[in-house]
């Protein structure tokens, strides 16, 4: 069921001297339907920022910024009119990054979007290895209820920005990453801790229980709650939900503040869609704007997450 990306870089646990922190702003959750409208990259060497790159992108799509995206980012359709094309910006963006390790929070999503965009516009894959600080957060702050960027910023008393923009996202990601480093006493032991797998069971699952006897606690599914909407292409909801449970997660039928991911399937011929979005989709967007720990992802992105479970 996975969406395999040939030659995609690996998610690594490391402490490189040189790296590039990245962030992107997109119009949605899947490359096939949506576009990158802003990118940023901050280059670091020996703990100091030595250069940075950022640009808006004009995807040449009329009114691609809806009310939800405007409220989240502050970007307007008018701001994109004079921005460079995707090919022009991505050429400069990837040239700036070079071969450096990439760092970011929940950066696997960004990496997949950039991979698909690079293949589409530049006819080559994005192959850089990357460090996802979400993995560091789960390991170093296990008692934190949620590991979203705002929660981590609050924990470290880092001042947050009002809008999600690529440049501010890079700055916040770096500050979180640098704070994580202060919590690591033994780097080798920290790296090795990600190789351990532990048994896990939970008796409160109503209909599904894990088929696996050993579940990786570092899986992006572990202890996360999923809801599905739309028609899933890879199987029934029960079959796909079993995948979640097998990797330590949970599934429910309704969107609430306790849900971490809403997975969107196809809306074509789906009777519960009004104005282009299901009621679950609309409720999830409202919860996200209210600051809840919920991400809205496409079915393809859901299968991309399985890459970190291998």
Protein backbone atom coordinates (compact mmCIF):
# COMPACT_ATOMS: atom_id res chain seq x y z
CA UNK A 1 0.00 0.00 0.00
CA UNK A 2 2.99 2.29 0.25
CA UNK A 3 3.76 5.05 -2.21
CA UNK A 4 7.38 4.18 -3.00
CA UNK A 5 9.68 7.07 -3.90
CA UNK A 6 12.82 5.70 -5.53
CA UNK A 7 16.10 7.20 -4.24
CA UNK A 8 14.32 9.29 -1.63
CA UNK A 9 16.64 10.27 1.25
CA UNK A 10 16.52 8.44 4.57
CA UNK A 11 15.13 9.62 7.89
CA UNK A 12 18.21 9.60 10.12
CA UNK A 13 19.10 10.25 13.75
CA UNK A 14 22.36 12.15 13.77
CA UNK A 15 24.14 15.31 14.90
CA UNK A 16 25.74 16.82 11.77
CA UNK A 17 27.92 19.92 11.96
CA UNK A 18 26.45 21.25 8.72
CA UNK A 19 22.75 21.07 7.84
CA UNK A 20 19.88 23.03 6.32
CA UNK A 21 16.59 23.68 8.12
CA UNK A 22 13.64 23.81 5.70
CA UNK A 23 9.95 24.59 5.73
CA UNK A 24 7.30 24.89 3.03
CA UNK A 25 3.76 26.22 2.78
CA UNK A 26 1.34 24.26 0.60
CA UNK A 27 -2.26 24.68 -0.54
CA UNK A 28 -3.25 21.18 0.56
CA UNK A 29 -2.07 17.72 1.47
CA UNK A 30 -1.24 15.87 -1.75
CA UNK A 31 0.99 16.91 -4.64
CA UNK A 32 -1.39 15.59 -7.28
CA UNK A 33 -4.06 18.11 -6.23
CA UNK A 34 -2.11 20.87 -4.47
CA UNK A 35 0.91 23.15 -4.80
CA UNK A 36 3.80 24.64 -2.86
CA UNK A 37 3.32 28.40 -2.49
CA UNK A 38 6.34 29.23 -0.30
CA UNK A 39 9.70 27.68 0.57
CA UNK A 40 12.47 28.63 2.97
CA UNK A 41 15.85 27.17 3.93
CA UNK A 42 18.31 28.29 6.61
CA UNK A 43 21.87 26.95 6.34
CA UNK A 44 23.86 26.24 9.52
CA UNK A 45 27.51 25.41 10.15
CA UNK A 46 28.87 24.60 13.62
CA UNK A 47 25.74 25.99 15.28
CA UNK A 48 25.69 29.30 13.39
CA UNK A 49 23.37 30.39 10.60
CA UNK A 50 25.51 31.27 7.60
CA UNK A 51 22.90 31.85 4.88
CA UNK A 52 19.20 31.68 4.12
CA UNK A 53 16.83 31.42 1.17
CA UNK A 54 13.09 32.06 0.88
CA UNK A 55 10.56 32.75 -1.83
CA UNK A 56 6.86 32.75 -2.56
CA UNK A 57 5.81 30.63 -5.55
CA UNK A 58 3.15 31.39 -8.13
CA UNK A 59 1.56 28.00 -8.95
CA UNK A 60 -0.41 29.62 -11.79
CA UNK A 61 -3.70 28.53 -10.24
CA UNK A 62 -6.49 31.08 -9.90
CA UNK A 63 -7.56 31.75 -6.30
CA UNK A 64 -5.59 28.85 -4.82
CA UNK A 65 -5.65 30.51 -1.38
CA UNK A 66 -8.95 29.76 0.35
CA UNK A 67 -10.19 31.34 3.59
CA UNK A 68 -8.75 28.57 5.75
CA UNK A 69 -5.26 28.85 4.25
CA UNK A 70 -5.34 32.65 4.47
CA UNK A 71 -6.29 32.51 8.15
CA UNK A 72 -3.49 30.00 8.79
CA UNK A 73 -0.70 31.75 6.86
CA UNK A 74 -1.70 35.34 6.13
CA UNK A 75 -0.82 34.76 2.47
CA UNK A 76 -3.24 36.14 -0.13
CA UNK A 77 -3.79 35.30 -3.79
CA UNK A 78 -2.57 38.79 -4.69
CA UNK A 79 0.77 38.14 -2.99
CA UNK A 80 1.44 35.25 -5.40
CA UNK A 81 0.77 37.11 -8.64
CA UNK A 82 4.31 38.46 -9.05
CA UNK A 83 6.08 35.47 -7.48
CA UNK A 84 8.42 33.29 -9.61
CA UNK A 85 7.30 30.00 -11.14
CA UNK A 86 7.70 26.65 -9.33
CA UNK A 87 10.50 25.53 -11.66
CA UNK A 88 12.47 28.75 -11.15
CA UNK A 89 12.15 28.73 -7.36
CA UNK A 90 12.77 25.01 -6.90
CA UNK A 91 15.89 25.15 -9.06
CA UNK A 92 17.36 27.83 -6.79
CA UNK A 93 16.02 26.18 -3.64
CA UNK A 94 17.61 22.78 -4.29
CA UNK A 95 20.84 24.43 -5.43
CA UNK A 96 20.95 26.31 -2.11
CA UNK A 97 20.42 23.11 -0.10
CA UNK A 98 23.03 21.15 -2.04
CA UNK A 99 23.89 17.79 -0.49
CA UNK A 100 23.42 18.84 3.13
CA UNK A 101 21.28 16.94 5.61
CA UNK A 102 17.85 18.55 5.92
CA UNK A 103 16.25 19.32 9.31
CA UNK A 104 12.63 20.15 10.10
CA UNK A 105 9.64 19.37 12.28
CA UNK A 106 7.27 16.78 10.76
CA UNK A 107 9.61 17.22 7.81
CA UNK A 108 8.75 13.89 6.15
CA UNK A 109 5.64 15.60 4.75
CA UNK A 110 7.78 18.43 3.33
CA UNK A 111 10.29 15.95 1.93
CA UNK A 112 7.62 13.98 0.08
CA UNK A 113 6.06 17.12 -1.38
CA UNK A 114 9.47 18.41 -2.47
CA UNK A 115 10.39 15.01 -3.93
CA UNK A 116 7.25 14.94 -6.07
CA UNK A 117 7.68 18.59 -7.08
CA UNK A 118 11.32 18.06 -8.04
CA UNK A 119 10.42 15.04 -10.14
CA UNK A 120 7.61 16.95 -11.85
CA UNK A 121 9.33 20.27 -12.54
CA UNK A 122 13.02 19.30 -12.68
CA UNK A 123 12.81 15.63 -13.74
CA UNK A 124 14.95 14.41 -10.84
CA UNK A 125 14.21 13.16 -7.31
CA UNK A 126 15.05 14.95 -4.07
CA UNK A 127 17.52 12.59 -2.40
CA UNK A 128 18.84 14.39 0.71
CA UNK A 129 18.77 12.52 4.03
CA UNK A 130 16.74 14.29 6.69
CA UNK A 131 16.31 14.68 10.44
CA UNK A 132 12.73 14.92 11.65
CA UNK A 133 12.74 16.73 15.00
CA UNK A 134 9.34 15.18 15.76
CA UNK A 135 11.17 11.91 16.44
CA UNK A 136 13.56 13.72 18.81
CA UNK A 137 10.60 15.34 20.59
CA UNK A 138 8.85 12.03 21.20
CA UNK A 139 12.02 10.47 22.56
CA UNK A 140 13.25 13.39 24.70
CA UNK A 141 9.89 14.71 25.93
CA UNK A 142 7.84 11.54 26.44
CA UNK A 143 5.58 13.12 29.06
CA UNK A 144 4.50 15.98 26.81
CA UNK A 145 0.85 15.30 25.83
CA UNK A 146 1.41 16.47 22.24
CA UNK A 147 4.50 17.06 20.15
CA UNK A 148 3.32 19.72 17.72
CA UNK A 149 5.58 22.67 17.09
CA UNK A 150 3.47 25.01 19.31
CA UNK A 151 3.64 22.54 22.22
CA UNK A 152 7.42 22.23 21.96
CA UNK A 153 7.81 26.01 21.71
CA UNK A 154 5.73 26.40 24.86
CA UNK A 155 7.86 23.81 26.65
CA UNK A 156 11.09 25.65 25.80
CA UNK A 157 9.54 29.14 26.16
CA UNK A 158 10.15 29.92 22.49
CA UNK A 159 8.10 32.81 21.14
CA UNK A 160 5.72 31.60 18.41
CA UNK A 161 4.68 33.50 15.29
CA UNK A 162 1.05 34.35 14.57
CA UNK A 163 1.07 32.88 11.07
CA UNK A 164 2.62 29.73 9.65
CA UNK A 165 5.14 31.04 7.12
CA UNK A 166 8.16 29.19 5.76
CA UNK A 167 10.83 31.52 7.19
CA UNK A 168 9.36 31.54 10.68
CA UNK A 169 8.90 27.78 10.46
CA UNK A 170 12.63 27.37 9.80
CA UNK A 171 13.52 29.58 12.73
CA UNK A 172 11.21 27.75 15.14
CA UNK A 173 12.43 24.34 13.93
CA UNK A 174 16.04 25.33 14.56
CA UNK A 175 15.32 26.69 18.02
CA UNK A 176 13.51 23.47 18.95
CA UNK A 177 16.32 21.34 17.49
CA UNK A 178 19.02 23.27 19.34
CA UNK A 179 17.07 22.89 22.60
CA UNK A 180 16.77 19.15 22.01
CA UNK A 181 20.54 18.93 21.73
CA UNK A 182 20.90 20.31 25.26
CA UNK A 183 18.88 17.33 26.53
CA UNK A 184 21.15 14.72 24.94
CA UNK A 185 23.97 13.67 27.27
CA UNK A 186 25.23 10.68 25.30
CA UNK A 187 24.81 11.04 21.54
CA UNK A 188 25.70 7.43 20.73
CA UNK A 189 23.23 6.09 23.30
CA UNK A 190 20.54 8.42 21.95
CA UNK A 191 21.07 7.22 18.38
CA UNK A 192 21.06 3.56 19.47
CA UNK A 193 17.81 4.04 21.41
CA UNK A 194 15.93 4.40 18.13
CA UNK A 195 16.93 0.88 17.14
CA UNK A 196 15.10 -0.75 20.05
CA UNK A 197 11.61 -2.16 19.72
CA UNK A 198 9.30 -2.98 22.60
CA UNK A 199 6.18 -5.06 23.05
CA UNK A 200 2.95 -3.13 23.31
CA UNK A 201 -0.63 -4.03 24.05
CA UNK A 202 -3.79 -2.14 24.95
CA UNK A 203 -6.99 -3.78 26.11
CA UNK A 204 -9.31 -0.87 25.35
CA UNK A 205 -9.37 -1.36 21.57
CA UNK A 206 -12.99 -2.10 20.75
CA UNK A 207 -12.87 -3.97 17.46
CA UNK A 208 -9.25 -4.23 16.36
CA UNK A 209 -6.13 -5.49 18.05
CA UNK A 210 -2.55 -5.55 16.74
CA UNK A 211 -1.51 -8.48 14.56
CA UNK A 212 2.11 -7.75 15.46
CA UNK A 213 3.61 -8.95 18.74
CA UNK A 214 6.25 -6.20 18.72
CA UNK A 215 5.42 -2.56 17.94
CA UNK A 216 7.97 0.20 17.42
CA UNK A 217 7.28 3.01 19.89
CA UNK A 218 9.09 5.40 17.53
CA UNK A 219 6.56 4.74 14.77
CA UNK A 220 4.68 7.89 13.66
CA UNK A 221 1.48 5.91 14.33
CA UNK A 222 2.30 5.02 17.93
CA UNK A 223 -0.34 6.28 20.40
CA UNK A 224 -1.90 8.46 17.66
CA UNK A 225 -5.61 8.45 16.87
CA UNK A 226 -6.83 8.40 13.25
CA UNK A 227 -10.16 9.14 11.59
CA UNK A 228 -10.96 8.49 7.91
CA UNK A 229 -13.25 10.36 5.53
CA UNK A 230 -14.03 9.80 1.85
CA UNK A 231 -13.55 6.59 -0.11
CA UNK A 232 -10.22 4.84 0.45
CA UNK A 233 -8.56 3.40 -2.64
CA UNK A 234 -6.40 0.76 -0.94
CA UNK A 235 -9.08 -1.14 0.94
CA UNK A 236 -11.98 -0.89 3.33
CA UNK A 237 -11.73 1.41 6.34
CA UNK A 238 -11.42 -1.63 8.58
CA UNK A 239 -8.49 -2.95 6.55
CA UNK A 240 -6.70 0.39 6.57
CA UNK A 241 -7.50 0.92 10.26
CA UNK A 242 -5.86 -2.44 10.96
CA UNK A 243 -2.64 -0.97 9.54
CA UNK A 244 -2.86 1.86 12.07
CA UNK A 245 -3.46 -0.54 14.96
CA UNK A 246 -0.63 -2.84 13.85
CA UNK A 247 1.73 0.12 14.23
CA UNK A 248 0.52 1.09 17.69
CA UNK A 249 -2.18 3.61 16.80
CA UNK A 250 -5.93 3.85 17.31
CA UNK A 251 -8.93 4.60 15.13
CA UNK A 252 -12.27 6.23 15.78
CA UNK A 253 -15.27 7.26 13.68
CA UNK A 254 -15.66 10.89 14.76
CA UNK A 255 -13.42 13.97 14.73
CA UNK A 256 -12.71 15.41 18.18
CA UNK A 257 -9.94 17.18 20.08
CA UNK A 258 -8.42 13.77 20.83
CA UNK A 259 -7.87 12.94 17.14
CA UNK A 260 -4.35 13.44 15.75
CA UNK A 261 -4.90 12.69 12.05
CA UNK A 262 -7.81 12.97 9.65
CA UNK A 263 -7.07 10.90 6.53
CA UNK A 264 -8.92 12.08 3.42
CA UNK A 265 -9.83 9.57 0.73
CA UNK A 266 -11.50 10.32 -2.62
CA UNK A 267 -14.51 12.63 -2.54
CA UNK A 268 -15.79 11.68 -5.99
CA UNK A 269 -19.29 10.14 -5.71
CA UNK A 270 -19.06 10.48 -1.92
CA UNK A 271 -22.52 11.46 -0.69
CA UNK A 272 -21.41 13.12 2.54
CA UNK A 273 -19.51 15.96 0.82
CA UNK A 274 -20.88 19.50 0.74
CA UNK A 275 -19.02 22.47 -0.77
CA UNK A 276 -16.09 20.22 -1.61
CA UNK A 277 -15.40 18.98 1.93
CA UNK A 278 -16.95 16.42 4.25
CA UNK A 279 -18.26 17.44 7.67
CA UNK A 280 -15.29 15.66 9.27
CA UNK A 281 -12.93 17.66 7.06
CA UNK A 282 -14.57 20.98 8.01
CA UNK A 283 -14.55 20.13 11.72
CA UNK A 284 -10.88 19.14 11.57
CA UNK A 285 -9.98 22.44 9.91
CA UNK A 286 -11.78 24.36 12.65
CA UNK A 287 -10.01 22.38 15.38
CA UNK A 288 -6.63 22.99 13.72
CA UNK A 289 -7.25 26.74 13.55
CA UNK A 290 -8.22 26.60 17.23
CA UNK A 291 -4.80 25.11 18.01
CA UNK A 292 -5.70 21.44 18.42
CA UNK A 293 -3.16 18.70 17.71
CA UNK A 294 -4.75 17.46 14.49
CA UNK A 295 -3.28 17.10 11.01
CA UNK A 296 -5.32 16.73 7.82
CA UNK A 297 -3.60 14.43 5.33
CA UNK A 298 -4.44 12.68 2.08
CA UNK A 299 -4.57 8.91 1.78
CA UNK A 300 -1.29 9.01 -0.16
CA UNK A 301 0.43 10.92 2.66
CA UNK A 302 -0.93 8.32 5.10
CA UNK A 303 0.90 5.60 3.19
CA UNK A 304 3.99 7.79 3.02
CA UNK A 305 4.05 7.67 6.82
CA UNK A 306 4.47 3.92 6.62
CA UNK A 307 7.97 4.53 5.24
CA UNK A 308 9.10 5.46 8.75
CA UNK A 309 7.77 2.15 10.07
CA UNK A 310 10.09 -0.05 8.02
